[in-house]
C-alpha atoms as a PDB file:
ATOM      1  CA  MET A   1     108.178 103.842 112.456  1.00  0.00           C
ATOM      2  CA  SER A   2     104.875 102.094 113.017  1.00  0.00           C
ATOM      3  CA  GLY A   3     102.946  99.914 110.623  1.00  0.00           C
ATOM      4  CA  TYR A   4      99.276  99.507 110.098  1.00  0.00           C
ATOM      5  CA  GLY A   5      98.569  96.697 112.576  1.00  0.00           C
ATOM      6  CA  GLN A   6      95.412  95.854 114.398  1.00  0.00           C
ATOM      7  CA  ASP A   7      96.549  97.901 117.375  1.00  0.00           C
ATOM      8  CA  MET A   8      96.028 101.096 115.376  1.00  0.00           C
ATOM      9  CA  SER A   9      92.615 100.240 114.004  1.00  0.00           C
ATOM     10  CA  THR A  10      90.256 102.589 115.844  1.00  0.00           C
ATOM     11  CA  ALA A  11      86.569 102.665 114.891  1.00  0.00           C
ATOM     12  CA  GLY A  12      85.526 105.996 113.494  1.00  0.00           C
ATOM     13  CA  SER A  13      89.078 107.198 112.877  1.00  0.00           C
ATOM     14  CA  TRP A  14      89.955 108.609 109.413  1.00  0.00           C
ATOM     15  CA  PHE A  15      93.708 108.068 109.998  1.00  0.00           C
ATOM     16  CA  HIS A  16      95.938 105.124 110.572  1.00  0.00           C
ATOM     17  CA  PRO A  17      97.901 105.354 112.777  1.00  0.00           C
ATOM     18  CA  VAL A  18      95.510 107.668 114.651  1.00  0.00           C
ATOM     19  CA  GLN A  19      98.350 109.937 115.693  1.00  0.00           C
ATOM     20  CA  ALA A  20     101.431 111.046 113.826  1.00  0.00           C
ATOM     21  CA  ASP A  21     104.905 110.290 115.090  1.00  0.00           C
ATOM     22  CA  PRO A  22     105.683 113.312 117.276  1.00  0.00           C
ATOM     23  CA  ASP A  23     109.351 113.096 116.326  1.00  0.00           C
ATOM     24  CA  ALA A  24     108.766 113.321 112.617  1.00  0.00           C
ATOM     25  CA  SER A  25     109.227 116.613 110.930  1.00  0.00           C
ATOM     26  CA  ILE A  26     106.826 116.010 108.048  1.00  0.00           C
ATOM     27  CA  ARG A  27     103.360 114.471 108.026  1.00  0.00           C
ATOM     28  CA  LEU A  28     102.147 112.565 104.980  1.00  0.00           C
ATOM     29  CA  PHE A  29      98.459 111.814 104.375  1.00  0.00           C
ATOM     30  CA  LEU A  30      97.942 108.773 102.098  1.00  0.00           C
ATOM     31  CA  LEU A  31      94.598 108.345 100.290  1.00  0.00           C
ATOM     32  CA  PRO A  32      93.758 104.901  98.799  1.00  0.00           C
ATOM     33  CA  HIS A  33      91.991 103.704  95.696  1.00  0.00           C
ATOM     34  CA  ALA A  34      88.323 103.015  95.301  1.00  0.00           C
ATOM     35  CA  GLY A  35      87.001 100.223  97.482  1.00  0.00           C
ATOM     36  CA  SER A  36      90.014 100.016  99.746  1.00  0.00           C
ATOM     37  CA  GLY A  37      91.485 101.715 102.840  1.00  0.00           C
ATOM     38  CA  ALA A  38      94.651 102.268 104.786  1.00  0.00           C
ATOM     39  CA  ILE A  39      95.765  98.684 104.183  1.00  0.00           C
ATOM     40  CA  ILE A  40      97.089  99.436 100.653  1.00  0.00           C
ATOM     41  CA  TYR A  41      99.805 101.565 102.209  1.00  0.00           C
ATOM     42  CA  ARG A  42     100.754  98.993 104.829  1.00  0.00           C
ATOM     43  CA  ASP A  43     104.400  98.767 103.560  1.00  0.00           C
ATOM     44  CA  TRP A  44     104.970 102.476 103.224  1.00  0.00           C
ATOM     45  CA  PRO A  45     106.013 103.351 106.816  1.00  0.00           C
ATOM     46  CA  GLN A  46     109.029 101.054 106.488  1.00  0.00           C
ATOM     47  CA  LEU A  47     109.912 102.566 103.098  1.00  0.00           C
ATOM     48  CA  LEU A  48     109.738 106.232 104.049  1.00  0.00           C
ATOM     49  CA  PRO A  49     112.556 108.128 105.778  1.00  0.00           C
ATOM     50  CA  PRO A  50     112.189 108.538 109.587  1.00  0.00           C
ATOM     51  CA  GLU A  51     111.394 112.213 109.278  1.00  0.00           C
ATOM     52  CA  VAL A  52     108.147 111.393 107.447  1.00  0.00           C
ATOM     53  CA  SER A  53     105.189 110.130 109.486  1.00  0.00           C
ATOM     54  CA  ALA A  54     102.585 108.577 107.188  1.00  0.00           C
ATOM     55  CA  GLN A  55      98.962 108.399 108.092  1.00  0.00           C
ATOM     56  CA  ALA A  56      96.745 106.556 105.671  1.00  0.00           C
ATOM     57  CA  VAL A  57      93.051 107.309 105.300  1.00  0.00           C
ATOM     58  CA  THR A  58      90.156 104.840 105.517  1.00  0.00           C
ATOM     59  CA  LEU A  59      86.811 106.089 104.365  1.00  0.00           C
ATOM     60  CA  PRO A  60      83.628 105.033 106.176  1.00  0.00           C
ATOM     61  CA  GLY A  61      82.164 101.623 105.219  1.00  0.00           C
ATOM     62  CA  ARG A  62      85.359  99.536 105.106  1.00  0.00           C
ATOM     63  CA  HIS A  63      87.939  97.876 107.372  1.00  0.00           C
ATOM     64  CA  ASN A  64      87.660  99.254 110.909  1.00  0.00           C
ATOM     65  CA  ARG A  65      84.923 101.645 109.790  1.00  0.00           C
ATOM     66  CA  ARG A  66      82.668  99.006 108.127  1.00  0.00           C
ATOM     67  CA  GLU A  67      79.822  99.687 110.624  1.00  0.00           C
ATOM     68  CA  GLU A  68      79.583 103.272 109.278  1.00  0.00           C
ATOM     69  CA  ALA A  69      77.533 104.180 106.197  1.00  0.00           C
ATOM     70  CA  THR A  70      79.533 104.759 103.051  1.00  0.00           C
ATOM     71  CA  PHE A  71      79.423 108.107 101.305  1.00  0.00           C
ATOM     72  CA  GLU A  72      77.813 107.871  97.816  1.00  0.00           C
ATOM     73  CA  ASP A  73      78.075 111.501  96.870  1.00  0.00           C
ATOM     74  CA  PHE A  74      81.331 113.336  96.101  1.00  0.00           C
ATOM     75  CA  GLU A  75      80.814 116.715  97.733  1.00  0.00           C
ATOM     76  CA  PRO A  76      79.698 115.394 101.206  1.00  0.00           C
ATOM     77  CA  LEU A  77      82.652 113.005 101.234  1.00  0.00           C
ATOM     78  CA  LEU A  78      85.040 115.819 100.233  1.00  0.00           C
ATOM     79  CA  ASP A  79      83.575 118.061 102.918  1.00  0.00           C
ATOM     80  CA  SER A  80      84.117 115.418 105.623  1.00  0.00           C
ATOM     81  CA  LEU A  81      87.580 114.494 104.529  1.00  0.00           C
ATOM     82  CA  TYR A  82      88.673 118.079 104.231  1.00  0.00           C
ATOM     83  CA  GLU A  83      87.481 118.813 107.781  1.00  0.00           C
ATOM     84  CA  ALA A  84      89.204 115.687 109.042  1.00  0.00           C
ATOM     85  CA  VAL A  85      92.519 116.751 107.484  1.00  0.00           C
ATOM     86  CA  LEU A  86      92.162 120.354 108.668  1.00  0.00           C
ATOM     87  CA  ASP A  87      91.441 119.185 112.172  1.00  0.00           C
ATOM     88  CA  GLU A  88      94.478 116.937 112.135  1.00  0.00           C
ATOM     89  CA  LEU A  89      97.087 119.564 111.126  1.00  0.00           C
ATOM     90  CA  ASP A  90      99.709 120.777 113.553  1.00  0.00           C
ATOM     91  CA  ASP A  91     100.294 124.528 113.832  1.00  0.00           C
ATOM     92  CA  ASP A  92     103.761 124.516 112.398  1.00  0.00           C
ATOM     93  CA  ARG A  93     104.601 120.999 111.089  1.00  0.00           C
ATOM     94  CA  PRO A  94     104.613 120.768 107.282  1.00  0.00           C
ATOM     95  CA  PHE A  95     102.380 118.144 105.660  1.00  0.00           C
ATOM     96  CA  ALA A  96     102.011 116.477 102.261  1.00  0.00           C
ATOM     97  CA  ILE A  97      99.287 114.531 100.467  1.00  0.00           C
ATOM     98  CA  PHE A  98      99.616 111.440  98.260  1.00  0.00           C
ATOM     99  CA  GLY A  99      96.607 109.788  96.613  1.00  0.00           C
ATOM    100  CA  HIS A 100      96.095 106.890  94.228  1.00  0.00           C
ATOM    101  CA  CYS A 101      93.116 106.680  91.833  1.00  0.00           C
ATOM    102  CA  LEU A 102      90.028 107.934  93.759  1.00  0.00           C
ATOM    103  CA  GLY A 103      92.562 108.943  96.455  1.00  0.00           C
ATOM    104  CA  ALA A 104      94.214 111.256  93.940  1.00  0.00           C
ATOM    105  CA  GLN A 105      90.846 112.767  93.043  1.00  0.00           C
ATOM    106  CA  LEU A 106      90.060 113.451  96.716  1.00  0.00           C
ATOM    107  CA  GLY A 107      93.625 114.570  97.547  1.00  0.00           C
ATOM    108  CA  PHE A 108      93.581 117.026  94.673  1.00  0.00           C
ATOM    109  CA  ARG A 109      90.255 118.547  95.705  1.00  0.00           C
ATOM    110  CA  VAL A 110      91.360 118.777  99.350  1.00  0.00           C
ATOM    111  CA  ALA A 111      94.450 120.771  98.156  1.00  0.00           C
ATOM    112  CA  VAL A 112      92.225 122.886  95.898  1.00  0.00           C
ATOM    113  CA  ARG A 113      89.982 123.724  98.839  1.00  0.00           C
ATOM    114  CA  LEU A 114      92.944 124.524 101.152  1.00  0.00           C
ATOM    115  CA  LYS A 115      93.952 127.089  98.541  1.00  0.00           C
ATOM    116  CA  GLU A 116      90.447 128.499  98.194  1.00  0.00           C
ATOM    117  CA  GLU A 117      90.003 128.770 101.979  1.00  0.00           C
ATOM    118  CA  GLY A 118      93.369 130.439 102.477  1.00  0.00           C
ATOM    119  CA  GLU A 119      94.634 127.614 104.621  1.00  0.00           C
ATOM    120  CA  ARG A 120      98.140 126.175 104.938  1.00  0.00           C
ATOM    121  CA  GLN A 121      99.316 124.449 101.772  1.00  0.00           C
ATOM    122  CA  PRO A 122     100.754 120.917 101.390  1.00  0.00           C
ATOM    123  CA  LEU A 123     104.539 120.747 101.025  1.00  0.00           C
ATOM    124  CA  VAL A 124     104.017 118.557  97.926  1.00  0.00           C
ATOM    125  CA  LEU A 125     101.001 116.853  96.350  1.00  0.00           C
ATOM    126  CA  GLY A 126     101.550 113.389  94.912  1.00  0.00           C
ATOM    127  CA  MET A 127      99.037 112.283  92.261  1.00  0.00           C
ATOM    128  CA  SER A 128      99.031 108.579  91.224  1.00  0.00           C
ATOM    129  CA  GLY A 129      96.938 106.544  88.804  1.00  0.00           C
ATOM    130  CA  TRP A 130      94.601 109.427  87.806  1.00  0.00           C
ATOM    131  CA  SER A 131      94.544 112.706  85.929  1.00  0.00           C
ATOM    132  CA  PRO A 132      91.692 115.220  85.642  1.00  0.00           C
ATOM    133  CA  VAL A 133      91.786 114.790  81.859  1.00  0.00           C
ATOM    134  CA  GLY A 134      92.069 111.548  79.840  1.00  0.00           C
ATOM    135  CA  PHE A 135      91.209 109.023  82.475  1.00  0.00           C
ATOM    136  CA  PHE A 136      88.377 106.578  82.752  1.00  0.00           C
ATOM    137  CA  LYS A 137      85.373 107.988  84.571  1.00  0.00           C
ATOM    138  CA  PRO A 138      82.852 105.440  85.891  1.00  0.00           C
ATOM    139  CA  THR A 139      79.131 105.956  85.381  1.00  0.00           C
ATOM    140  CA  GLU A 140      76.296 105.580  87.878  1.00  0.00           C
ATOM    141  CA  GLU A 141      75.194 102.528  85.861  1.00  0.00           C
ATOM    142  CA  GLN A 142      78.544 100.804  86.162  1.00  0.00           C
ATOM    143  CA  SER A 143      78.438 101.195  89.889  1.00  0.00           C
ATOM    144  CA  ARG A 144      75.329  99.051  89.888  1.00  0.00           C
ATOM    145  CA  MET A 145      76.583  96.274  87.589  1.00  0.00           C
ATOM    146  CA  PRO A 146      75.827  92.695  88.734  1.00  0.00           C
ATOM    147  CA  ASP A 147      78.337  91.116  91.157  1.00  0.00           C
ATOM    148  CA  ASP A 148      79.727  88.759  88.530  1.00  0.00           C
ATOM    149  CA  GLU A 149      80.478  91.631  86.081  1.00  0.00           C
ATOM    150  CA  MET A 150      81.973  93.678  88.920  1.00  0.00           C
ATOM    151  CA  LEU A 151      84.263  90.855  89.844  1.00  0.00           C
ATOM    152  CA  GLU A 152      85.469  90.375  86.264  1.00  0.00           C
ATOM    153  CA  TRP A 153      86.087  94.100  85.989  1.00  0.00           C
ATOM    154  CA  ILE A 154      88.199  94.349  89.213  1.00  0.00           C
ATOM    155  CA  LYS A 155      90.032  91.140  88.281  1.00  0.00           C
ATOM    156  CA  LYS A 156      91.150  92.754  85.007  1.00  0.00           C
ATOM    157  CA  LEU A 157      92.383  95.792  86.978  1.00  0.00           C
ATOM    158  CA  GLY A 158      94.143  93.581  89.494  1.00  0.00           C
ATOM    159  CA  SER A 159      92.858  95.745  92.277  1.00  0.00           C
ATOM    160  CA  PHE A 160      92.651  93.218  95.040  1.00  0.00           C
ATOM    161  CA  PRO A 161      94.728  90.175  96.137  1.00  0.00           C
ATOM    162  CA  ALA A 162      93.751  86.905  94.441  1.00  0.00           C
ATOM    163  CA  GLU A 163      92.478  85.381  97.672  1.00  0.00           C
ATOM    164  CA  VAL A 164      89.714  88.031  97.879  1.00  0.00           C
ATOM    165  CA  TYR A 165      87.941  86.710  94.739  1.00  0.00           C
ATOM    166  CA  ASP A 166      87.380  83.279  96.192  1.00  0.00           C
ATOM    167  CA  ASN A 167      86.319  84.359  99.678  1.00  0.00           C
ATOM    168  CA  PRO A 168      82.608  85.295  99.846  1.00  0.00           C
ATOM    169  CA  GLU A 169      83.022  86.971 103.228  1.00  0.00           C
ATOM    170  CA  MET A 170      85.802  89.227 101.929  1.00  0.00           C
ATOM    171  CA  LEU A 171      83.864  90.012  98.805  1.00  0.00           C
ATOM    172  CA  ALA A 172      80.839  90.953 100.879  1.00  0.00           C
ATOM    173  CA  LEU A 173      83.015  93.632 102.520  1.00  0.00           C
ATOM    174  CA  VAL A 174      84.827  94.830  99.419  1.00  0.00           C
ATOM    175  CA  VAL A 175      82.106  95.049  96.750  1.00  0.00           C
ATOM    176  CA  PRO A 176      79.598  97.398  98.560  1.00  0.00           C
ATOM    177  CA  ALA A 177      82.498  99.886  99.339  1.00  0.00           C
ATOM    178  CA  LEU A 178      83.732  99.727  95.737  1.00  0.00           C
ATOM    179  CA  ARG A 179      80.216 100.405  94.393  1.00  0.00           C
ATOM    180  CA  ALA A 180      79.855 103.431  96.688  1.00  0.00           C
ATOM    181  CA  ASP A 181      83.290 104.730  95.620  1.00  0.00           C
ATOM    182  CA  LEU A 182      82.443 104.292  91.954  1.00  0.00           C
ATOM    183  CA  ARG A 183      79.233 106.339  92.470  1.00  0.00           C
ATOM    184  CA  VAL A 184      81.330 109.054  94.176  1.00  0.00           C
ATOM    185  CA  SER A 185      83.865 109.105  91.296  1.00  0.00           C
ATOM    186  CA  ALA A 186      81.127 109.186  88.722  1.00  0.00           C
ATOM    187  CA  GLN A 187      80.115 112.589  90.054  1.00  0.00           C
ATOM    188  CA  TYR A 188      83.515 114.146  89.617  1.00  0.00           C
ATOM    189  CA  GLU A 189      83.513 117.007  87.069  1.00  0.00           C
ATOM    190  CA  ASP A 190      86.733 118.672  85.996  1.00  0.00           C
ATOM    191  CA  ASP A 191      86.510 122.365  86.305  1.00  0.00           C
ATOM    192  CA  GLY A 192      90.153 123.210  85.491  1.00  0.00           C
ATOM    193  CA  ALA A 193      90.926 123.824  89.152  1.00  0.00           C
ATOM    194  CA  THR A 194      94.504 124.388  90.202  1.00  0.00           C
ATOM    195  CA  VAL A 195      96.460 123.969  93.428  1.00  0.00           C
ATOM    196  CA  ALA A 196      98.972 126.346  95.069  1.00  0.00           C
ATOM    197  CA  CYS A 197     101.586 123.744  95.952  1.00  0.00           C
ATOM    198  CA  PRO A 198     104.245 121.688  94.083  1.00  0.00           C
ATOM    199  CA  LEU A 199     102.761 118.587  92.427  1.00  0.00           C
ATOM    200  CA  ALA A 200     104.396 115.345  91.239  1.00  0.00           C
ATOM    201  CA  SER A 201     102.575 112.667  89.251  1.00  0.00           C
ATOM    202  CA  TYR A 202     103.041 108.909  88.983  1.00  0.00           C
ATOM    203  CA  GLY A 203     101.444 106.122  86.918  1.00  0.00           C
ATOM    204  CA  GLY A 204     101.611 102.729  85.290  1.00  0.00           C
ATOM    205  CA  ASP A 205     102.712 102.809  81.689  1.00  0.00           C
ATOM    206  CA  SER A 206     100.024 100.245  80.756  1.00  0.00           C
ATOM    207  CA  ASP A 207      97.178 101.465  83.004  1.00  0.00           C
ATOM    208  CA  PRO A 208      93.953 100.374  81.385  1.00  0.00           C
ATOM    209  CA  LEU A 209      92.100 103.267  83.000  1.00  0.00           C
ATOM    210  CA  GLN A 210      94.316 105.832  81.195  1.00  0.00           C
ATOM    211  CA  GLN A 211      92.341 106.518  78.050  1.00  0.00           C
ATOM    212  CA  ASP A 212      94.542 109.163  76.460  1.00  0.00           C
ATOM    213  CA  PRO A 213      98.283 108.622  76.045  1.00  0.00           C
ATOM    214  CA  ASP A 214      99.001 112.174  77.146  1.00  0.00           C
ATOM    215  CA  ALA A 215      96.636 112.158  80.163  1.00  0.00           C
ATOM    216  CA  MET A 216      99.314 112.677  82.796  1.00  0.00           C
ATOM    217  CA  THR A 217     100.749 115.716  80.971  1.00  0.00           C
ATOM    218  CA  HIS A 218      97.629 117.685  81.986  1.00  0.00           C
ATOM    219  CA  TRP A 219      99.006 117.984  85.494  1.00  0.00           C
ATOM    220  CA  ALA A 220     101.559 120.500  84.315  1.00  0.00           C
ATOM    221  CA  GLY A 221      98.953 123.220  84.099  1.00  0.00           C
ATOM    222  CA  ARG A 222      97.406 122.467  87.519  1.00  0.00           C
ATOM    223  CA  SER A 223     100.239 123.584  89.719  1.00  0.00           C
ATOM    224  CA  PRO A 224     102.591 126.594  89.803  1.00  0.00           C
ATOM    225  CA  GLN A 225     105.431 124.149  90.302  1.00  0.00           C
ATOM    226  CA  TYR A 226     104.950 120.867  88.448  1.00  0.00           C
ATOM    227  CA  LEU A 227     107.716 118.449  89.486  1.00  0.00           C
ATOM    228  CA  GLY A 228     107.246 116.076  86.494  1.00  0.00           C
ATOM    229  CA  HIS A 229     105.872 112.596  85.936  1.00  0.00           C
ATOM    230  CA  ARG A 230     107.348 109.223  86.728  1.00  0.00           C
ATOM    231  CA  GLY A 231     106.037 106.295  84.742  1.00  0.00           C
ATOM    232  CA  PHE A 232     106.527 102.683  85.810  1.00  0.00           C
ATOM    233  CA  THR A 233     106.047  99.338  84.176  1.00  0.00           C
ATOM    234  CA  GLY A 234     102.649  97.808  85.013  1.00  0.00           C
ATOM    235  CA  GLY A 235      98.977  98.598  85.028  1.00  0.00           C
ATOM    236  CA  HIS A 236      96.701 100.561  87.349  1.00  0.00           C
ATOM    237  CA  PHE A 237      98.213  98.946  90.398  1.00  0.00           C
ATOM    238  CA  TYR A 238     101.806  99.430  89.468  1.00  0.00           C
ATOM    239  CA  ILE A 239     102.114 101.058  92.832  1.00  0.00           C
ATOM    240  CA  ASP A 240     102.042  97.697  94.602  1.00  0.00           C
ATOM    241  CA  THR A 241     105.252  96.453  92.870  1.00  0.00           C
ATOM    242  CA  HIS A 242     107.010  99.833  92.671  1.00  0.00           C
ATOM    243  CA  ALA A 243     106.359 101.086  96.131  1.00  0.00           C
ATOM    244  CA  LEU A 244     110.016 101.519  96.974  1.00  0.00           C
ATOM    245  CA  ALA A 245     110.693 103.602  93.847  1.00  0.00           C
ATOM    246  CA  VAL A 246     107.629 105.763  94.377  1.00  0.00           C
ATOM    247  CA  THR A 247     108.334 106.395  98.036  1.00  0.00           C
ATOM    248  CA  THR A 248     111.985 107.168  97.282  1.00  0.00           C
ATOM    249  CA  ASP A 249     111.090 109.663  94.571  1.00  0.00           C
ATOM    250  CA  PHE A 250     108.340 111.320  96.593  1.00  0.00           C
ATOM    251  CA  SER A 251     110.555 111.529  99.701  1.00  0.00           C
ATOM    252  CA  ARG A 252     113.174 113.308  97.585  1.00  0.00           C
ATOM    253  CA  HIS A 253     110.636 115.984  96.693  1.00  0.00           C
ATOM    254  CA  LEU A 254     109.506 116.276 100.373  1.00  0.00           C
ATOM    255  CA  ARG A 255     113.092 116.799 101.537  1.00  0.00           C
ATOM    256  CA  ASN A 256     113.843 119.319  98.790  1.00  0.00           C
ATOM    257  CA  HIS A 257     110.801 121.408  99.476  1.00  0.00           C
ATOM    258  CA  ALA A 258     111.169 121.171 103.254  1.00  0.00           C
ATOM    259  CA  ALA A 259     114.649 122.549 102.898  1.00  0.00           C
ATOM    260  CA  GLN A 260     113.426 125.352 100.647  1.00  0.00           C
ATOM    261  CA  THR A 261     110.639 126.419 103.004  1.00  0.00           C
ATOM    262  CA  ALA A 262     112.986 126.283 106.028  1.00  0.00           C
ATOM    263  CA  HIS A 263     115.086 129.132 104.486  1.00  0.00           C
END
């Protein structure tokens, strides 16, 4: 199973690696949090079973796509991501989607649109660090906060490695992408939409962005087959320290539903 090394960074590509492992029986699209890209899932290929080929998404304006303009509106970004996913699908190989934070927002809406358009459905949808009800929603004003305030905010969330905060060059890459993603997220309006596939949710028990204690329970009404919630110690970025437990649990769901659809 391949990792996310430099050899797979291709300018203009939404997915890393660019191509799925042809021998894997399930494809998994991984969507990252605001301001980041495929790199947050760099350890996942080694943690997932060999039948699952993970491809992480990098949005324009960061990492290998930093020369491209960032999206600053939700619908155009969703349109482009949806088309990229649709174009990537194999005719008969099942696929799944897992997203964290903004990645969960986008992944959920991709699955909603797949249902609305009558397209193939994900095997399982994994939603992490966000719920359509009861979670922090940024404002347009917050996306424009001064750099020093932005840095303090992301330090509290723990959203980037410590070395980023003291490196002006790295900050110059991270902060504009984060601002754009906050503007995108600020436009999200919950309309009560549902998906047609099984859904599992994950989160940090002390996530500062979870404003209502019961926020993750709202997923139960958004899928015909809610697979339950797994909570972990930690904050918004619990996923960094609990990657093995999350991938193990999500892989279990993938295997179960792959077996069910095969019969």
